[in-house]
């Protein structure tokens, strides 16, 4: 009787261990897949202003001259990249179906070569799927030499299916350093050295 209880208890412990291991493996797999799944979900639905970062063919369709949409441009610099990004054109007014080109300027304000990327977002999120970009600096990483100034175009179009309630579309570009390609900034080096002392 005691042996049966011991065997049953061992079997119960084994089941619990295997179930726990399976649950941990499932949680790990889910956590690993969560970021790509979220990105795909945002890309499909347009939620969170996520945009496609590949070139799209502009559609030569009739321009909807019955309405005009204001497109605003905002530039931001993320921490860790000594670049300045700006555009002289803060906003344009265009008709859905019309193609527009706006130039952006990038300046490396440091004395070292560095790599960066402009990450786009669109507001309101309902407009995300209706912005077509034929040419954009956001499609690839950029390298700037010390003190270099670079001007790059954004060629885009709003499609005619843009919801009628959308009168203003805001395109925000935030600069980020490319991990592993940039040397630490002098201020960062001094901070690290100060922590080690």
C-alpha atoms as a PDB file:
ATOM      1  CA  UNK A   1       0.000   0.000   0.000  1.00  0.00           C
ATOM      2  CA  UNK A   2       2.797   2.406   0.926  1.00  0.00           C
ATOM      3  CA  UNK A   3       4.686   1.476  -2.258  1.00  0.00           C
ATOM      4  CA  UNK A   4       1.599   2.226  -4.392  1.00  0.00           C
ATOM      5  CA  UNK A   5       1.227   5.630  -2.752  1.00  0.00           C
ATOM      6  CA  UNK A   6       4.937   6.390  -3.305  1.00  0.00           C
ATOM      7  CA  UNK A   7       4.753   5.327  -6.958  1.00  0.00           C
ATOM      8  CA  UNK A   8       1.606   7.373  -7.450  1.00  0.00           C
ATOM      9  CA  UNK A   9       3.240  10.403  -5.821  1.00  0.00           C
ATOM     10  CA  UNK A  10       6.341  10.048  -8.042  1.00  0.00           C
ATOM     11  CA  UNK A  11       4.153   9.770 -11.122  1.00  0.00           C
ATOM     12  CA  UNK A  12       2.271  12.902 -10.029  1.00  0.00           C
ATOM     13  CA  UNK A  13       5.553  14.798  -9.536  1.00  0.00           C
ATOM     14  CA  UNK A  14       6.782  13.709 -12.987  1.00  0.00           C
ATOM     15  CA  UNK A  15       3.537  14.887 -14.596  1.00  0.00           C
ATOM     16  CA  UNK A  16       3.788  18.229 -12.823  1.00  0.00           C
ATOM     17  CA  UNK A  17       7.415  18.696 -13.900  1.00  0.00           C
ATOM     18  CA  UNK A  18       6.640  17.860 -17.559  1.00  0.00           C
ATOM     19  CA  UNK A  19       3.605  20.145 -17.598  1.00  0.00           C
ATOM     20  CA  UNK A  20       5.679  22.960 -16.098  1.00  0.00           C
ATOM     21  CA  UNK A  21       8.453  22.460 -18.675  1.00  0.00           C
ATOM     22  CA  UNK A  22       5.885  22.425 -21.506  1.00  0.00           C
ATOM     23  CA  UNK A  23       4.238  25.594 -20.159  1.00  0.00           C
ATOM     24  CA  UNK A  24       7.616  27.362 -19.869  1.00  0.00           C
ATOM     25  CA  UNK A  25       8.569  26.335 -23.419  1.00  0.00           C
ATOM     26  CA  UNK A  26       5.201  27.593 -24.691  1.00  0.00           C
ATOM     27  CA  UNK A  27       5.609  30.923 -22.873  1.00  0.00           C
ATOM     28  CA  UNK A  28       9.135  31.338 -24.248  1.00  0.00           C
ATOM     29  CA  UNK A  29       7.981  30.611 -27.812  1.00  0.00           C
ATOM     30  CA  UNK A  30       5.067  33.045 -27.445  1.00  0.00           C
ATOM     31  CA  UNK A  31       7.318  35.792 -26.054  1.00  0.00           C
ATOM     32  CA  UNK A  32       9.839  35.213 -28.859  1.00  0.00           C
ATOM     33  CA  UNK A  33       7.119  35.503 -31.542  1.00  0.00           C
ATOM     34  CA  UNK A  34       5.259  38.426 -29.943  1.00  0.00           C
ATOM     35  CA  UNK A  35       7.280  41.297 -31.470  1.00  0.00           C
ATOM     36  CA  UNK A  36       7.113  40.048 -35.094  1.00  0.00           C
ATOM     37  CA  UNK A  37       3.419  39.225 -34.678  1.00  0.00           C
ATOM     38  CA  UNK A  38       2.744  42.700 -33.260  1.00  0.00           C
ATOM     39  CA  UNK A  39       4.618  44.341 -36.157  1.00  0.00           C
ATOM     40  CA  UNK A  40       2.621  42.341 -38.716  1.00  0.00           C
ATOM     41  CA  UNK A  41      -0.644  43.145 -36.926  1.00  0.00           C
ATOM     42  CA  UNK A  42       0.176  46.881 -36.842  1.00  0.00           C
ATOM     43  CA  UNK A  43       1.240  46.857 -40.489  1.00  0.00           C
ATOM     44  CA  UNK A  44      -1.986  45.166 -41.598  1.00  0.00           C
ATOM     45  CA  UNK A  45      -4.342  47.225 -39.463  1.00  0.00           C
ATOM     46  CA  UNK A  46      -2.429  50.526 -39.440  1.00  0.00           C
ATOM     47  CA  UNK A  47      -2.634  50.664 -35.644  1.00  0.00           C
ATOM     48  CA  UNK A  48       0.120  52.543 -33.813  1.00  0.00           C
ATOM     49  CA  UNK A  49       1.141  54.431 -36.948  1.00  0.00           C
ATOM     50  CA  UNK A  50       3.385  51.594 -38.157  1.00  0.00           C
ATOM     51  CA  UNK A  51       4.202  52.027 -41.811  1.00  0.00           C
ATOM     52  CA  UNK A  52       5.643  49.916 -44.573  1.00  0.00           C
ATOM     53  CA  UNK A  53       9.332  50.640 -45.084  1.00  0.00           C
ATOM     54  CA  UNK A  54       9.601  49.348 -48.637  1.00  0.00           C
ATOM     55  CA  UNK A  55       9.158  51.292 -51.858  1.00  0.00           C
ATOM     56  CA  UNK A  56       5.680  51.235 -53.342  1.00  0.00           C
ATOM     57  CA  UNK A  57       4.667  51.968 -56.894  1.00  0.00           C
ATOM     58  CA  UNK A  58       2.757  55.208 -57.250  1.00  0.00           C
ATOM     59  CA  UNK A  59      -0.623  54.742 -58.861  1.00  0.00           C
ATOM     60  CA  UNK A  60      -1.406  56.988 -61.790  1.00  0.00           C
ATOM     61  CA  UNK A  61      -5.042  57.525 -60.998  1.00  0.00           C
ATOM     62  CA  UNK A  62      -7.313  60.476 -61.398  1.00  0.00           C
ATOM     63  CA  UNK A  63      -6.599  63.123 -58.818  1.00  0.00           C
ATOM     64  CA  UNK A  64      -9.519  63.798 -56.486  1.00  0.00           C
ATOM     65  CA  UNK A  65      -9.669  67.571 -56.855  1.00  0.00           C
ATOM     66  CA  UNK A  66     -12.846  67.761 -54.803  1.00  0.00           C
ATOM     67  CA  UNK A  67     -10.840  67.611 -51.575  1.00  0.00           C
ATOM     68  CA  UNK A  68      -7.528  68.857 -50.242  1.00  0.00           C
ATOM     69  CA  UNK A  69      -5.519  67.191 -47.475  1.00  0.00           C
ATOM     70  CA  UNK A  70      -2.784  68.839 -45.403  1.00  0.00           C
ATOM     71  CA  UNK A  71       0.314  66.692 -44.887  1.00  0.00           C
ATOM     72  CA  UNK A  72       2.574  67.814 -42.015  1.00  0.00           C
ATOM     73  CA  UNK A  73       6.195  66.754 -41.485  1.00  0.00           C
ATOM     74  CA  UNK A  74       7.796  66.420 -38.052  1.00  0.00           C
ATOM     75  CA  UNK A  75      11.423  65.427 -37.460  1.00  0.00           C
ATOM     76  CA  UNK A  76      12.890  64.156 -34.199  1.00  0.00           C
ATOM     77  CA  UNK A  77      16.311  62.977 -33.089  1.00  0.00           C
ATOM     78  CA  UNK A  78      16.566  59.937 -30.850  1.00  0.00           C
ATOM     79  CA  UNK A  79      19.236  59.821 -28.184  1.00  0.00           C
ATOM     80  CA  UNK A  80      22.695  58.586 -29.070  1.00  0.00           C
ATOM     81  CA  UNK A  81      22.919  59.996 -32.599  1.00  0.00           C
ATOM     82  CA  UNK A  82      24.622  63.386 -33.121  1.00  0.00           C
ATOM     83  CA  UNK A  83      22.602  64.200 -36.248  1.00  0.00           C
ATOM     84  CA  UNK A  84      20.198  66.962 -37.099  1.00  0.00           C
ATOM     85  CA  UNK A  85      17.339  66.225 -39.485  1.00  0.00           C
ATOM     86  CA  UNK A  86      15.084  68.931 -40.843  1.00  0.00           C
ATOM     87  CA  UNK A  87      12.959  69.969 -43.772  1.00  0.00           C
ATOM     88  CA  UNK A  88      12.186  73.466 -45.011  1.00  0.00           C
ATOM     89  CA  UNK A  89       8.738  72.253 -46.034  1.00  0.00           C
ATOM     90  CA  UNK A  90       6.774  71.810 -42.826  1.00  0.00           C
ATOM     91  CA  UNK A  91       3.533  71.005 -44.609  1.00  0.00           C
ATOM     92  CA  UNK A  92       2.011  70.603 -48.051  1.00  0.00           C
ATOM     93  CA  UNK A  93      -1.561  70.690 -49.239  1.00  0.00           C
ATOM     94  CA  UNK A  94      -2.449  68.189 -51.920  1.00  0.00           C
ATOM     95  CA  UNK A  95      -5.298  66.251 -53.444  1.00  0.00           C
ATOM     96  CA  UNK A  96      -5.619  62.486 -52.955  1.00  0.00           C
ATOM     97  CA  UNK A  97      -3.994  60.803 -55.949  1.00  0.00           C
ATOM     98  CA  UNK A  98      -1.522  63.666 -56.415  1.00  0.00           C
ATOM     99  CA  UNK A  99       2.229  62.968 -56.117  1.00  0.00           C
ATOM    100  CA  UNK A 100       4.425  65.230 -54.001  1.00  0.00           C
ATOM    101  CA  UNK A 101       8.165  65.491 -53.297  1.00  0.00           C
ATOM    102  CA  UNK A 102       9.724  66.974 -50.151  1.00  0.00           C
ATOM    103  CA  UNK A 103      13.448  67.175 -49.401  1.00  0.00           C
ATOM    104  CA  UNK A 104      14.932  66.403 -45.992  1.00  0.00           C
ATOM    105  CA  UNK A 105      18.398  67.455 -44.823  1.00  0.00           C
ATOM    106  CA  UNK A 106      20.628  65.361 -42.560  1.00  0.00           C
ATOM    107  CA  UNK A 107      23.713  66.825 -40.853  1.00  0.00           C
ATOM    108  CA  UNK A 108      26.259  64.859 -38.818  1.00  0.00           C
ATOM    109  CA  UNK A 109      27.220  67.317 -36.067  1.00  0.00           C
ATOM    110  CA  UNK A 110      30.032  65.155 -34.675  1.00  0.00           C
ATOM    111  CA  UNK A 111      33.661  64.693 -35.676  1.00  0.00           C
ATOM    112  CA  UNK A 112      33.223  60.963 -36.391  1.00  0.00           C
ATOM    113  CA  UNK A 113      31.488  58.884 -39.032  1.00  0.00           C
ATOM    114  CA  UNK A 114      28.166  57.439 -37.859  1.00  0.00           C
ATOM    115  CA  UNK A 115      25.183  55.420 -39.033  1.00  0.00           C
ATOM    116  CA  UNK A 116      21.519  56.193 -38.499  1.00  0.00           C
ATOM    117  CA  UNK A 117      18.036  55.423 -39.667  1.00  0.00           C
ATOM    118  CA  UNK A 118      14.875  57.500 -39.790  1.00  0.00           C
ATOM    119  CA  UNK A 119      11.928  55.510 -38.477  1.00  0.00           C
ATOM    120  CA  UNK A 120       8.552  56.716 -39.777  1.00  0.00           C
ATOM    121  CA  UNK A 121       5.111  56.822 -38.243  1.00  0.00           C
ATOM    122  CA  UNK A 122       1.807  58.187 -39.498  1.00  0.00           C
ATOM    123  CA  UNK A 123      -1.006  59.925 -37.663  1.00  0.00           C
ATOM    124  CA  UNK A 124      -3.931  59.353 -37.611  1.00  0.00           C
ATOM    125  CA  UNK A 125      -3.457  55.601 -37.768  1.00  0.00           C
ATOM    126  CA  UNK A 126      -6.399  55.285 -40.185  1.00  0.00           C
ATOM    127  CA  UNK A 127      -4.253  57.074 -42.816  1.00  0.00           C
ATOM    128  CA  UNK A 128      -1.329  54.641 -42.524  1.00  0.00           C
ATOM    129  CA  UNK A 129      -2.472  52.325 -45.308  1.00  0.00           C
ATOM    130  CA  UNK A 130      -3.230  55.253 -47.608  1.00  0.00           C
ATOM    131  CA  UNK A 131       0.285  56.752 -47.772  1.00  0.00           C
ATOM    132  CA  UNK A 132       2.327  55.393 -50.688  1.00  0.00           C
ATOM    133  CA  UNK A 133       6.064  56.126 -50.704  1.00  0.00           C
ATOM    134  CA  UNK A 134       7.974  55.642 -53.954  1.00  0.00           C
ATOM    135  CA  UNK A 135      11.218  57.036 -52.561  1.00  0.00           C
ATOM    136  CA  UNK A 136      12.135  57.566 -48.933  1.00  0.00           C
ATOM    137  CA  UNK A 137      15.319  57.855 -46.906  1.00  0.00           C
ATOM    138  CA  UNK A 138      13.537  55.687 -44.318  1.00  0.00           C
ATOM    139  CA  UNK A 139      13.905  52.601 -46.539  1.00  0.00           C
ATOM    140  CA  UNK A 140      17.563  52.095 -45.646  1.00  0.00           C
ATOM    141  CA  UNK A 141      20.302  52.955 -43.178  1.00  0.00           C
ATOM    142  CA  UNK A 142      22.302  56.126 -43.831  1.00  0.00           C
ATOM    143  CA  UNK A 143      25.985  56.785 -43.207  1.00  0.00           C
ATOM    144  CA  UNK A 144      27.319  60.299 -42.692  1.00  0.00           C
ATOM    145  CA  UNK A 145      30.958  61.293 -42.460  1.00  0.00           C
ATOM    146  CA  UNK A 146      32.063  63.776 -39.801  1.00  0.00           C
ATOM    147  CA  UNK A 147      30.330  67.104 -40.491  1.00  0.00           C
ATOM    148  CA  UNK A 148      28.654  65.772 -43.642  1.00  0.00           C
ATOM    149  CA  UNK A 149      25.398  67.279 -44.906  1.00  0.00           C
ATOM    150  CA  UNK A 150      23.086  65.138 -47.034  1.00  0.00           C
ATOM    151  CA  UNK A 151      19.820  66.018 -48.745  1.00  0.00           C
ATOM    152  CA  UNK A 152      17.396  63.201 -49.566  1.00  0.00           C
ATOM    153  CA  UNK A 153      13.890  63.231 -51.080  1.00  0.00           C
ATOM    154  CA  UNK A 154      10.603  61.802 -49.937  1.00  0.00           C
ATOM    155  CA  UNK A 155       8.313  61.084 -52.897  1.00  0.00           C
ATOM    156  CA  UNK A 156       4.836  60.097 -51.800  1.00  0.00           C
ATOM    157  CA  UNK A 157       1.165  60.014 -52.630  1.00  0.00           C
ATOM    158  CA  UNK A 158      -2.089  59.765 -50.707  1.00  0.00           C
ATOM    159  CA  UNK A 159      -4.448  57.336 -52.364  1.00  0.00           C
ATOM    160  CA  UNK A 160      -7.985  58.275 -53.290  1.00  0.00           C
ATOM    161  CA  UNK A 161      -9.406  55.833 -50.709  1.00  0.00           C
ATOM    162  CA  UNK A 162      -8.176  58.004 -47.831  1.00  0.00           C
ATOM    163  CA  UNK A 163     -11.164  58.207 -45.450  1.00  0.00           C
ATOM    164  CA  UNK A 164     -13.128  61.431 -46.038  1.00  0.00           C
ATOM    165  CA  UNK A 165     -12.915  62.446 -42.369  1.00  0.00           C
ATOM    166  CA  UNK A 166      -9.106  62.680 -42.589  1.00  0.00           C
ATOM    167  CA  UNK A 167      -8.185  66.281 -43.411  1.00  0.00           C
ATOM    168  CA  UNK A 168      -4.652  66.272 -41.982  1.00  0.00           C
ATOM    169  CA  UNK A 169      -2.005  63.559 -42.134  1.00  0.00           C
ATOM    170  CA  UNK A 170       1.152  63.873 -40.029  1.00  0.00           C
ATOM    171  CA  UNK A 171       4.345  62.068 -41.040  1.00  0.00           C
ATOM    172  CA  UNK A 172       6.826  61.824 -38.163  1.00  0.00           C
ATOM    173  CA  UNK A 173      10.429  60.738 -38.729  1.00  0.00           C
ATOM    174  CA  UNK A 174      12.583  59.887 -35.715  1.00  0.00           C
ATOM    175  CA  UNK A 175      16.337  59.352 -36.082  1.00  0.00           C
ATOM    176  CA  UNK A 176      17.941  56.405 -34.306  1.00  0.00           C
ATOM    177  CA  UNK A 177      21.536  55.150 -34.259  1.00  0.00           C
ATOM    178  CA  UNK A 178      22.272  51.774 -35.845  1.00  0.00           C
ATOM    179  CA  UNK A 179      23.249  49.324 -33.110  1.00  0.00           C
ATOM    180  CA  UNK A 180      26.784  48.007 -33.396  1.00  0.00           C
ATOM    181  CA  UNK A 181      27.859  50.375 -36.182  1.00  0.00           C
ATOM    182  CA  UNK A 182      28.569  53.554 -34.241  1.00  0.00           C
ATOM    183  CA  UNK A 183      31.451  54.309 -31.919  1.00  0.00           C
ATOM    184  CA  UNK A 184      30.378  55.531 -28.465  1.00  0.00           C
ATOM    185  CA  UNK A 185      30.075  59.304 -28.292  1.00  0.00           C
ATOM    186  CA  UNK A 186      32.747  61.124 -26.274  1.00  0.00           C
ATOM    187  CA  UNK A 187      30.181  61.965 -23.563  1.00  0.00           C
ATOM    188  CA  UNK A 188      29.243  58.271 -23.333  1.00  0.00           C
ATOM    189  CA  UNK A 189      32.925  57.260 -23.074  1.00  0.00           C
ATOM    190  CA  UNK A 190      33.476  59.746 -20.228  1.00  0.00           C
ATOM    191  CA  UNK A 191      30.377  58.453 -18.435  1.00  0.00           C
ATOM    192  CA  UNK A 192      31.567  54.845 -18.763  1.00  0.00           C
ATOM    193  CA  UNK A 193      35.062  55.763 -17.559  1.00  0.00           C
ATOM    194  CA  UNK A 194      33.571  57.661 -14.603  1.00  0.00           C
ATOM    195  CA  UNK A 195      31.503  54.626 -13.600  1.00  0.00           C
ATOM    196  CA  UNK A 196      34.544  52.353 -13.759  1.00  0.00           C
ATOM    197  CA  UNK A 197      36.662  54.679 -11.560  1.00  0.00           C
END
